[in-house]
Amino acid sequence: MDMLIILFLLTSAALPLASPDPNDEACLTHVSQTLKDPLKNLQNWTKPNFANPCNGFTSYLPGVTCNNGRIYKLSLTNLSLQGSISPFLSNCTNLQSLDLSSNSISGPIPQELQYLLNLAVLNLSSNRLEGVIPPQITLCAYLNVIDLHDNLLTGQIPQQLGFLSRLSAFDVSYNKLSGPIPASLGNRSGNRPSFNVTSFEGNKDLYGYPLPPMKSKGLSVLAIVGIGLGSGLASLVLSFTGVCIWLKIRDEKMAAEEGKMSHPMPDY
């Protein structure tokens, strides 16, 4: 029995380790180039470590979690990171959780995230992200969590997000979003959870259930027409009054001139 155990250990030791994935290396390389780390929290994020970021189920890179030699979770939260999100994050094709929340990251949300087909958690909240929510992320069919609250995102909420059947947590509050809330998010049916006011509040121009309906802005059409007619009538009255005064002055002047001409002309 002892001999069998020794043979097993020797055989196991002789087996080659899983080779690093070049996609993960490219992913980490580009992410490190676009993110700025003023507090030096990512000092181990260096090129030599990118070549072999995973050792089975462990990683020496802060914020990186591995599964069978591949990066499956990237969590860089509350590190005062700046810069932007690299579109080359899509190279981490085995990524299941991406959490970059509570930093100062700016720029757009890359539409290339659509290629993270295994992504289940997307948390980009409490940053300075701008632009629209890319509808392409709905191609990540396994998304359970989308948290984008407290950013500077604009435009409308993509209708397609409501068709993510696994979506159980959704938050876009406190952005600059506008337009109607998709009914597929506010009034979800079946076993899919609906999302309440807290998921949408803090967007001045966003409306529709569960928020109040669209508020009428400015003056109504009737009011505008009324003001137009009123202004036209006032102008007409002023014009008519001015003409009357001018005619009266002219008549008085002509009368005075006729009074002068009424005296007999001298004979020559």
C-alpha atoms as a PDB file:
ATOM      1  CA  MET A   1       0.000   0.000   0.000  1.00  0.00           C
ATOM      2  CA  ASP A   2       2.800   2.397   0.904  1.00  0.00           C
ATOM      3  CA  MET A   3       4.408   1.755  -2.458  1.00  0.00           C
ATOM      4  CA  LEU A   4       1.159   2.652  -4.239  1.00  0.00           C
ATOM      5  CA  ILE A   5       0.894   5.937  -2.357  1.00  0.00           C
ATOM      6  CA  ILE A   6       4.481   6.812  -3.246  1.00  0.00           C
ATOM      7  CA  LEU A   7       3.879   6.020  -6.903  1.00  0.00           C
ATOM      8  CA  PHE A   8       0.732   8.174  -6.891  1.00  0.00           C
ATOM      9  CA  LEU A   9       2.554  11.140  -5.382  1.00  0.00           C
ATOM     10  CA  LEU A  10       5.405  10.822  -7.841  1.00  0.00           C
ATOM     11  CA  THR A  11       2.973  10.626 -10.739  1.00  0.00           C
ATOM     12  CA  SER A  12       1.032  13.652  -9.498  1.00  0.00           C
ATOM     13  CA  ALA A  13       4.213  15.648  -9.120  1.00  0.00           C
ATOM     14  CA  ALA A  14       5.197  14.802 -12.664  1.00  0.00           C
ATOM     15  CA  LEU A  15       1.915  16.107 -14.113  1.00  0.00           C
ATOM     16  CA  PRO A  16       2.312  19.537 -15.722  1.00  0.00           C
ATOM     17  CA  LEU A  17       0.502  22.451 -14.099  1.00  0.00           C
ATOM     18  CA  ALA A  18      -2.290  24.146 -16.017  1.00  0.00           C
ATOM     19  CA  SER A  19      -0.699  26.641 -18.362  1.00  0.00           C
ATOM     20  CA  PRO A  20      -1.621  30.326 -17.910  1.00  0.00           C
ATOM     21  CA  ASP A  21      -4.319  31.660 -20.159  1.00  0.00           C
ATOM     22  CA  PRO A  22      -3.048  34.430 -22.476  1.00  0.00           C
ATOM     23  CA  ASN A  23      -6.493  36.050 -22.445  1.00  0.00           C
ATOM     24  CA  ASP A  24      -6.304  36.627 -18.694  1.00  0.00           C
ATOM     25  CA  GLU A  25      -2.832  38.110 -19.100  1.00  0.00           C
ATOM     26  CA  ALA A  26      -4.056  40.536 -21.783  1.00  0.00           C
ATOM     27  CA  CYS A  27      -7.071  41.400 -19.640  1.00  0.00           C
ATOM     28  CA  LEU A  28      -5.026  42.323 -16.559  1.00  0.00           C
ATOM     29  CA  THR A  29      -2.388  44.156 -18.603  1.00  0.00           C
ATOM     30  CA  HIS A  30      -4.916  46.496 -20.220  1.00  0.00           C
ATOM     31  CA  VAL A  31      -6.918  46.994 -17.012  1.00  0.00           C
ATOM     32  CA  SER A  32      -3.758  48.101 -15.195  1.00  0.00           C
ATOM     33  CA  GLN A  33      -2.965  50.531 -18.014  1.00  0.00           C
ATOM     34  CA  THR A  34      -6.326  52.300 -17.921  1.00  0.00           C
ATOM     35  CA  LEU A  35      -6.781  52.406 -14.143  1.00  0.00           C
ATOM     36  CA  LYS A  36      -4.789  54.845 -12.018  1.00  0.00           C
ATOM     37  CA  ASP A  37      -3.850  53.744  -8.506  1.00  0.00           C
ATOM     38  CA  PRO A  38      -2.858  56.861  -6.524  1.00  0.00           C
ATOM     39  CA  LEU A  39      -2.758  55.035  -3.173  1.00  0.00           C
ATOM     40  CA  LYS A  40      -0.577  52.201  -4.531  1.00  0.00           C
ATOM     41  CA  ASN A  41      -3.018  49.483  -3.496  1.00  0.00           C
ATOM     42  CA  LEU A  42      -2.161  47.415  -6.574  1.00  0.00           C
ATOM     43  CA  GLN A  43       1.625  47.308  -6.313  1.00  0.00           C
ATOM     44  CA  ASN A  44       1.670  43.597  -7.129  1.00  0.00           C
ATOM     45  CA  TRP A  45      -0.133  44.284 -10.399  1.00  0.00           C
ATOM     46  CA  THR A  46       3.008  44.028 -12.496  1.00  0.00           C
ATOM     47  CA  LYS A  47       3.669  42.455 -15.862  1.00  0.00           C
ATOM     48  CA  PRO A  48       5.543  39.390 -14.532  1.00  0.00           C
ATOM     49  CA  ASN A  49       2.570  38.525 -12.328  1.00  0.00           C
ATOM     50  CA  PHE A  50       0.128  38.988 -15.192  1.00  0.00           C
ATOM     51  CA  ALA A  51       1.815  36.163 -17.071  1.00  0.00           C
ATOM     52  CA  ASN A  52       0.683  33.682 -14.429  1.00  0.00           C
ATOM     53  CA  PRO A  53      -2.012  35.339 -12.299  1.00  0.00           C
ATOM     54  CA  CYS A  54      -3.538  32.094 -11.011  1.00  0.00           C
ATOM     55  CA  ASN A  55      -2.091  29.157  -9.159  1.00  0.00           C
ATOM     56  CA  GLY A  56      -4.962  26.726  -9.292  1.00  0.00           C
ATOM     57  CA  PHE A  57      -7.618  28.322  -7.094  1.00  0.00           C
ATOM     58  CA  THR A  58      -5.456  31.072  -5.593  1.00  0.00           C
ATOM     59  CA  SER A  59      -3.874  34.325  -6.769  1.00  0.00           C
ATOM     60  CA  TYR A  60      -1.317  36.639  -5.263  1.00  0.00           C
ATOM     61  CA  LEU A  61      -2.838  39.623  -7.041  1.00  0.00           C
ATOM     62  CA  PRO A  62      -5.082  41.694  -4.758  1.00  0.00           C
ATOM     63  CA  GLY A  63      -8.685  41.701  -5.933  1.00  0.00           C
ATOM     64  CA  VAL A  64      -8.278  38.628  -8.156  1.00  0.00           C
ATOM     65  CA  THR A  65      -9.959  35.308  -7.371  1.00  0.00           C
ATOM     66  CA  CYS A  66      -9.218  32.239  -9.458  1.00  0.00           C
ATOM     67  CA  ASN A  67     -11.002  29.025 -10.265  1.00  0.00           C
ATOM     68  CA  ASN A  68      -9.048  26.141 -11.781  1.00  0.00           C
ATOM     69  CA  GLY A  69      -6.368  28.416 -13.176  1.00  0.00           C
ATOM     70  CA  ARG A  70      -8.672  31.100 -14.610  1.00  0.00           C
ATOM     71  CA  ILE A  71      -9.768  34.460 -13.236  1.00  0.00           C
ATOM     72  CA  TYR A  72     -13.414  34.224 -12.302  1.00  0.00           C
ATOM     73  CA  LYS A  73     -13.800  37.188  -9.929  1.00  0.00           C
ATOM     74  CA  LEU A  74     -12.356  40.703 -10.040  1.00  0.00           C
ATOM     75  CA  SER A  75     -13.133  42.839  -6.992  1.00  0.00           C
ATOM     76  CA  LEU A  76     -11.364  46.214  -6.759  1.00  0.00           C
ATOM     77  CA  THR A  77     -13.662  48.146  -4.436  1.00  0.00           C
ATOM     78  CA  ASN A  78     -13.072  51.312  -2.424  1.00  0.00           C
ATOM     79  CA  LEU A  79      -9.452  51.737  -3.521  1.00  0.00           C
ATOM     80  CA  SER A  80      -9.685  55.368  -4.764  1.00  0.00           C
ATOM     81  CA  LEU A  81      -8.985  54.125  -8.284  1.00  0.00           C
ATOM     82  CA  GLN A  82      -9.209  56.620 -11.133  1.00  0.00           C
ATOM     83  CA  GLY A  83      -9.035  56.362 -14.899  1.00  0.00           C
ATOM     84  CA  SER A  84     -11.453  54.363 -17.041  1.00  0.00           C
ATOM     85  CA  ILE A  85     -12.717  50.825 -17.602  1.00  0.00           C
ATOM     86  CA  SER A  86     -10.748  49.047 -20.280  1.00  0.00           C
ATOM     87  CA  PRO A  87     -12.762  47.415 -23.070  1.00  0.00           C
ATOM     88  CA  PHE A  88     -10.137  44.645 -22.921  1.00  0.00           C
ATOM     89  CA  LEU A  89     -11.798  43.414 -19.738  1.00  0.00           C
ATOM     90  CA  SER A  90     -13.663  41.237 -22.213  1.00  0.00           C
ATOM     91  CA  ASN A  91     -10.489  39.135 -22.470  1.00  0.00           C
ATOM     92  CA  CYS A  92     -11.232  37.716 -19.016  1.00  0.00           C
ATOM     93  CA  THR A  93     -13.675  35.364 -20.678  1.00  0.00           C
ATOM     94  CA  ASN A  94     -14.216  33.244 -17.544  1.00  0.00           C
ATOM     95  CA  LEU A  95     -15.145  36.231 -15.387  1.00  0.00           C
ATOM     96  CA  GLN A  96     -18.304  35.720 -13.355  1.00  0.00           C
ATOM     97  CA  SER A  97     -18.162  38.726 -11.023  1.00  0.00           C
ATOM     98  CA  LEU A  98     -16.906  42.249 -11.747  1.00  0.00           C
ATOM     99  CA  ASP A  99     -16.975  44.721  -8.848  1.00  0.00           C
ATOM    100  CA  LEU A 100     -15.307  48.123  -9.299  1.00  0.00           C
ATOM    101  CA  SER A 101     -17.607  49.990  -6.922  1.00  0.00           C
ATOM    102  CA  SER A 102     -16.776  52.957  -4.677  1.00  0.00           C
ATOM    103  CA  ASN A 103     -13.910  54.428  -6.675  1.00  0.00           C
ATOM    104  CA  SER A 104     -13.492  57.510  -8.889  1.00  0.00           C
ATOM    105  CA  ILE A 105     -13.536  55.759 -12.260  1.00  0.00           C
ATOM    106  CA  SER A 106     -14.850  57.892 -15.131  1.00  0.00           C
ATOM    107  CA  GLY A 107     -15.668  57.492 -18.806  1.00  0.00           C
ATOM    108  CA  PRO A 108     -18.224  55.167 -20.408  1.00  0.00           C
ATOM    109  CA  ILE A 109     -19.259  51.605 -19.634  1.00  0.00           C
ATOM    110  CA  PRO A 110     -17.604  49.636 -22.454  1.00  0.00           C
ATOM    111  CA  GLN A 111     -20.052  47.788 -24.673  1.00  0.00           C
ATOM    112  CA  GLU A 112     -17.376  45.088 -24.987  1.00  0.00           C
ATOM    113  CA  LEU A 113     -18.541  43.736 -21.633  1.00  0.00           C
ATOM    114  CA  GLN A 114     -21.106  41.865 -23.720  1.00  0.00           C
ATOM    115  CA  TYR A 115     -18.436  39.237 -24.388  1.00  0.00           C
ATOM    116  CA  LEU A 116     -18.299  38.251 -20.711  1.00  0.00           C
ATOM    117  CA  LEU A 117     -20.880  35.559 -21.330  1.00  0.00           C
ATOM    118  CA  ASN A 118     -20.436  34.010 -17.871  1.00  0.00           C
ATOM    119  CA  LEU A 119     -20.863  37.289 -16.000  1.00  0.00           C
ATOM    120  CA  ALA A 120     -23.391  37.078 -13.156  1.00  0.00           C
ATOM    121  CA  VAL A 121     -22.535  40.160 -11.052  1.00  0.00           C
ATOM    122  CA  LEU A 122     -21.832  43.626 -12.456  1.00  0.00           C
ATOM    123  CA  ASN A 123     -21.270  46.286  -9.801  1.00  0.00           C
ATOM    124  CA  LEU A 124     -19.930  49.629 -11.041  1.00  0.00           C
ATOM    125  CA  SER A 125     -21.726  51.775  -8.464  1.00  0.00           C
ATOM    126  CA  SER A 126     -20.420  54.915  -6.755  1.00  0.00           C
ATOM    127  CA  ASN A 127     -18.072  56.073  -9.494  1.00  0.00           C
ATOM    128  CA  ARG A 128     -18.133  58.885 -12.070  1.00  0.00           C
ATOM    129  CA  LEU A 129     -19.167  56.887 -15.096  1.00  0.00           C
ATOM    130  CA  GLU A 130     -20.737  58.856 -17.950  1.00  0.00           C
ATOM    131  CA  GLY A 131     -22.626  58.121 -21.143  1.00  0.00           C
ATOM    132  CA  VAL A 132     -25.415  55.637 -21.704  1.00  0.00           C
ATOM    133  CA  ILE A 133     -26.050  52.169 -20.328  1.00  0.00           C
ATOM    134  CA  PRO A 134     -24.974  49.944 -23.239  1.00  0.00           C
ATOM    135  CA  PRO A 135     -27.867  47.675 -24.254  1.00  0.00           C
ATOM    136  CA  GLN A 136     -25.300  45.119 -25.420  1.00  0.00           C
ATOM    137  CA  ILE A 137     -24.746  43.949 -21.827  1.00  0.00           C
ATOM    138  CA  THR A 138     -28.040  42.085 -22.083  1.00  0.00           C
ATOM    139  CA  LEU A 139     -26.083  39.481 -24.041  1.00  0.00           C
ATOM    140  CA  CYS A 140     -24.679  38.468 -20.645  1.00  0.00           C
ATOM    141  CA  ALA A 141     -27.655  36.206 -20.086  1.00  0.00           C
ATOM    142  CA  TYR A 142     -26.506  34.997 -16.650  1.00  0.00           C
ATOM    143  CA  LEU A 143     -26.562  38.447 -15.039  1.00  0.00           C
ATOM    144  CA  ASN A 144     -28.115  38.299 -11.573  1.00  0.00           C
ATOM    145  CA  VAL A 145     -26.970  41.697 -10.320  1.00  0.00           C
ATOM    146  CA  ILE A 146     -26.651  45.037 -12.118  1.00  0.00           C
ATOM    147  CA  ASP A 147     -25.715  47.866  -9.771  1.00  0.00           C
ATOM    148  CA  LEU A 148     -24.908  51.194 -11.418  1.00  0.00           C
ATOM    149  CA  HIS A 149     -26.214  53.607  -8.795  1.00  0.00           C
ATOM    150  CA  ASP A 150     -24.506  56.910  -7.938  1.00  0.00           C
ATOM    151  CA  ASN A 151     -22.848  57.697 -11.267  1.00  0.00           C
ATOM    152  CA  LEU A 152     -23.351  60.292 -14.024  1.00  0.00           C
ATOM    153  CA  LEU A 153     -25.055  58.051 -16.565  1.00  0.00           C
ATOM    154  CA  THR A 154     -27.421  59.672 -19.075  1.00  0.00           C
ATOM    155  CA  GLY A 155     -29.960  58.597 -21.662  1.00  0.00           C
ATOM    156  CA  GLN A 156     -32.696  56.019 -21.254  1.00  0.00           C
ATOM    157  CA  ILE A 157     -32.695  52.650 -19.520  1.00  0.00           C
ATOM    158  CA  PRO A 158     -32.441  50.035 -22.284  1.00  0.00           C
ATOM    159  CA  GLN A 159     -35.677  48.116 -22.716  1.00  0.00           C
ATOM    160  CA  GLN A 160     -33.717  44.902 -23.193  1.00  0.00           C
ATOM    161  CA  LEU A 161     -32.563  44.823 -19.558  1.00  0.00           C
ATOM    162  CA  GLY A 162     -36.019  43.741 -18.477  1.00  0.00           C
ATOM    163  CA  PHE A 163     -35.702  40.520 -20.431  1.00  0.00           C
ATOM    164  CA  LEU A 164     -32.787  39.200 -18.352  1.00  0.00           C
ATOM    165  CA  SER A 165     -34.593  36.288 -16.757  1.00  0.00           C
ATOM    166  CA  ARG A 166     -32.057  35.800 -13.935  1.00  0.00           C
ATOM    167  CA  LEU A 167     -31.914  39.468 -12.899  1.00  0.00           C
ATOM    168  CA  SER A 168     -32.732  39.683  -9.174  1.00  0.00           C
ATOM    169  CA  ALA A 169     -31.007  42.937  -8.148  1.00  0.00           C
ATOM    170  CA  PHE A 170     -31.084  46.136 -10.207  1.00  0.00           C
ATOM    171  CA  ASP A 171     -30.144  49.665  -9.167  1.00  0.00           C
ATOM    172  CA  VAL A 172     -29.628  52.739 -11.360  1.00  0.00           C
ATOM    173  CA  SER A 173     -30.594  55.324  -8.746  1.00  0.00           C
ATOM    174  CA  TYR A 174     -28.921  58.719  -8.528  1.00  0.00           C
ATOM    175  CA  ASN A 175     -27.744  59.158 -12.079  1.00  0.00           C
ATOM    176  CA  LYS A 176     -28.919  61.542 -14.812  1.00  0.00           C
ATOM    177  CA  LEU A 177     -31.154  59.089 -16.641  1.00  0.00           C
ATOM    178  CA  SER A 178     -34.260  60.238 -18.482  1.00  0.00           C
ATOM    179  CA  GLY A 179     -37.293  58.868 -20.268  1.00  0.00           C
ATOM    180  CA  PRO A 180     -39.696  56.096 -19.283  1.00  0.00           C
ATOM    181  CA  ILE A 181     -38.825  53.166 -17.044  1.00  0.00           C
ATOM    182  CA  PRO A 182     -39.203  50.008 -19.146  1.00  0.00           C
ATOM    183  CA  ALA A 183     -42.360  48.166 -18.172  1.00  0.00           C
ATOM    184  CA  SER A 184     -40.334  44.966 -18.322  1.00  0.00           C
ATOM    185  CA  LEU A 185     -38.452  46.223 -15.227  1.00  0.00           C
ATOM    186  CA  GLY A 186     -41.219  47.968 -13.315  1.00  0.00           C
ATOM    187  CA  ASN A 187     -43.941  45.400 -13.945  1.00  0.00           C
ATOM    188  CA  ARG A 188     -42.169  42.070 -14.221  1.00  0.00           C
ATOM    189  CA  SER A 189     -44.370  39.017 -14.274  1.00  0.00           C
ATOM    190  CA  GLY A 190     -44.024  35.395 -13.289  1.00  0.00           C
ATOM    191  CA  ASN A 191     -41.167  34.450 -10.985  1.00  0.00           C
ATOM    192  CA  ARG A 192     -39.064  37.439 -12.000  1.00  0.00           C
ATOM    193  CA  PRO A 193     -38.843  40.035  -9.198  1.00  0.00           C
ATOM    194  CA  SER A 194     -39.952  43.580  -9.888  1.00  0.00           C
ATOM    195  CA  PHE A 195     -37.929  46.548  -8.676  1.00  0.00           C
ATOM    196  CA  ASN A 196     -39.245  49.318  -6.443  1.00  0.00           C
ATOM    197  CA  VAL A 197     -38.693  53.071  -6.212  1.00  0.00           C
ATOM    198  CA  THR A 198     -35.258  52.763  -4.613  1.00  0.00           C
ATOM    199  CA  SER A 199     -33.918  51.226  -7.831  1.00  0.00           C
ATOM    200  CA  PHE A 200     -34.769  54.343  -9.861  1.00  0.00           C
ATOM    201  CA  GLU A 201     -34.948  57.367  -7.539  1.00  0.00           C
ATOM    202  CA  GLY A 202     -32.613  60.327  -7.906  1.00  0.00           C
ATOM    203  CA  ASN A 203     -32.992  60.610 -11.692  1.00  0.00           C
ATOM    204  CA  LYS A 204     -34.711  63.933 -12.313  1.00  0.00           C
ATOM    205  CA  ASP A 205     -36.128  63.157 -15.763  1.00  0.00           C
ATOM    206  CA  LEU A 206     -36.970  59.484 -15.235  1.00  0.00           C
ATOM    207  CA  TYR A 207     -40.664  58.616 -14.999  1.00  0.00           C
ATOM    208  CA  GLY A 208     -43.149  55.773 -15.075  1.00  0.00           C
ATOM    209  CA  TYR A 209     -44.001  53.016 -12.626  1.00  0.00           C
ATOM    210  CA  PRO A 210     -42.818  52.622  -9.897  1.00  0.00           C
ATOM    211  CA  LEU A 211     -42.000  56.353 -10.107  1.00  0.00           C
ATOM    212  CA  PRO A 212     -44.744  58.940 -10.758  1.00  0.00           C
ATOM    213  CA  PRO A 213     -45.873  59.502 -14.358  1.00  0.00           C
ATOM    214  CA  MET A 214     -44.263  62.140 -16.534  1.00  0.00           C
ATOM    215  CA  LYS A 215     -44.843  65.668 -15.285  1.00  0.00           C
ATOM    216  CA  SER A 216     -46.007  68.304 -17.730  1.00  0.00           C
ATOM    217  CA  LYS A 217     -43.194  70.750 -18.309  1.00  0.00           C
ATOM    218  CA  GLY A 218     -43.646  74.413 -19.038  1.00  0.00           C
ATOM    219  CA  LEU A 219     -46.873  75.835 -20.476  1.00  0.00           C
ATOM    220  CA  SER A 220     -49.584  73.822 -22.116  1.00  0.00           C
ATOM    221  CA  VAL A 221     -50.479  74.256 -25.767  1.00  0.00           C
ATOM    222  CA  LEU A 222     -53.656  76.150 -24.865  1.00  0.00           C
ATOM    223  CA  ALA A 223     -51.695  78.474 -22.614  1.00  0.00           C
ATOM    224  CA  ILE A 224     -49.162  79.142 -25.347  1.00  0.00           C
ATOM    225  CA  VAL A 225     -51.962  79.841 -27.866  1.00  0.00           C
ATOM    226  CA  GLY A 226     -53.693  82.083 -25.333  1.00  0.00           C
ATOM    227  CA  ILE A 227     -50.540  84.050 -24.707  1.00  0.00           C
ATOM    228  CA  GLY A 228     -50.003  84.347 -28.434  1.00  0.00           C
ATOM    229  CA  LEU A 229     -53.535  85.589 -29.016  1.00  0.00           C
ATOM    230  CA  GLY A 230     -53.281  87.927 -26.045  1.00  0.00           C
ATOM    231  CA  SER A 231     -50.016  89.347 -27.278  1.00  0.00           C
ATOM    232  CA  GLY A 232     -51.475  89.784 -30.764  1.00  0.00           C
ATOM    233  CA  LEU A 233     -54.570  91.510 -29.420  1.00  0.00           C
ATOM    234  CA  ALA A 234     -52.497  93.817 -27.233  1.00  0.00           C
ATOM    235  CA  SER A 235     -50.320  94.718 -30.186  1.00  0.00           C
ATOM    236  CA  LEU A 236     -53.411  95.388 -32.292  1.00  0.00           C
ATOM    237  CA  VAL A 237     -54.932  97.645 -29.615  1.00  0.00           C
ATOM    238  CA  LEU A 238     -51.693  99.572 -29.224  1.00  0.00           C
ATOM    239  CA  SER A 239     -51.363  99.974 -32.975  1.00  0.00           C
ATOM    240  CA  PHE A 240     -54.980 101.125 -33.327  1.00  0.00           C
ATOM    241  CA  THR A 241     -54.586 103.592 -30.458  1.00  0.00           C
ATOM    242  CA  GLY A 242     -51.436 105.007 -32.017  1.00  0.00           C
ATOM    243  CA  VAL A 243     -53.177 105.460 -35.388  1.00  0.00           C
ATOM    244  CA  CYS A 244     -56.115 107.226 -33.725  1.00  0.00           C
ATOM    245  CA  ILE A 245     -53.823 109.630 -31.880  1.00  0.00           C
ATOM    246  CA  TRP A 246     -51.908 110.356 -35.078  1.00  0.00           C
ATOM    247  CA  LEU A 247     -55.136 111.019 -37.014  1.00  0.00           C
ATOM    248  CA  LYS A 248     -56.400 113.331 -34.276  1.00  0.00           C
ATOM    249  CA  ILE A 249     -53.182 115.332 -34.252  1.00  0.00           C
ATOM    250  CA  ARG A 250     -53.261 115.546 -38.055  1.00  0.00           C
ATOM    251  CA  ASP A 251     -56.883 116.736 -38.092  1.00  0.00           C
ATOM    252  CA  GLU A 252     -56.176 119.405 -35.497  1.00  0.00           C
ATOM    253  CA  LYS A 253     -53.202 120.609 -37.510  1.00  0.00           C
ATOM    254  CA  MET A 254     -55.205 120.727 -40.727  1.00  0.00           C
ATOM    255  CA  ALA A 255     -57.980 122.643 -38.995  1.00  0.00           C
ATOM    256  CA  ALA A 256     -55.496 125.196 -37.776  1.00  0.00           C
ATOM    257  CA  GLU A 257     -54.108 125.579 -41.275  1.00  0.00           C
ATOM    258  CA  GLU A 258     -57.603 126.022 -42.706  1.00  0.00           C
ATOM    259  CA  GLY A 259     -58.281 128.769 -40.118  1.00  0.00           C
ATOM    260  CA  LYS A 260     -55.346 130.686 -41.430  1.00  0.00           C
ATOM    261  CA  MET A 261     -56.525 130.345 -45.074  1.00  0.00           C
ATOM    262  CA  SER A 262     -60.077 131.600 -44.257  1.00  0.00           C
ATOM    263  CA  HIS A 263     -59.021 135.286 -44.205  1.00  0.00           C
ATOM    264  CA  PRO A 264     -59.667 137.206 -47.534  1.00  0.00           C
ATOM    265  CA  MET A 265     -56.701 137.422 -49.809  1.00  0.00           C
ATOM    266  CA  PRO A 266     -55.589 140.986 -50.637  1.00  0.00           C
ATOM    267  CA  ASP A 267     -56.163 142.325 -54.138  1.00  0.00           C
ATOM    268  CA  TYR A 268     -53.169 143.185 -56.258  1.00  0.00           C
END
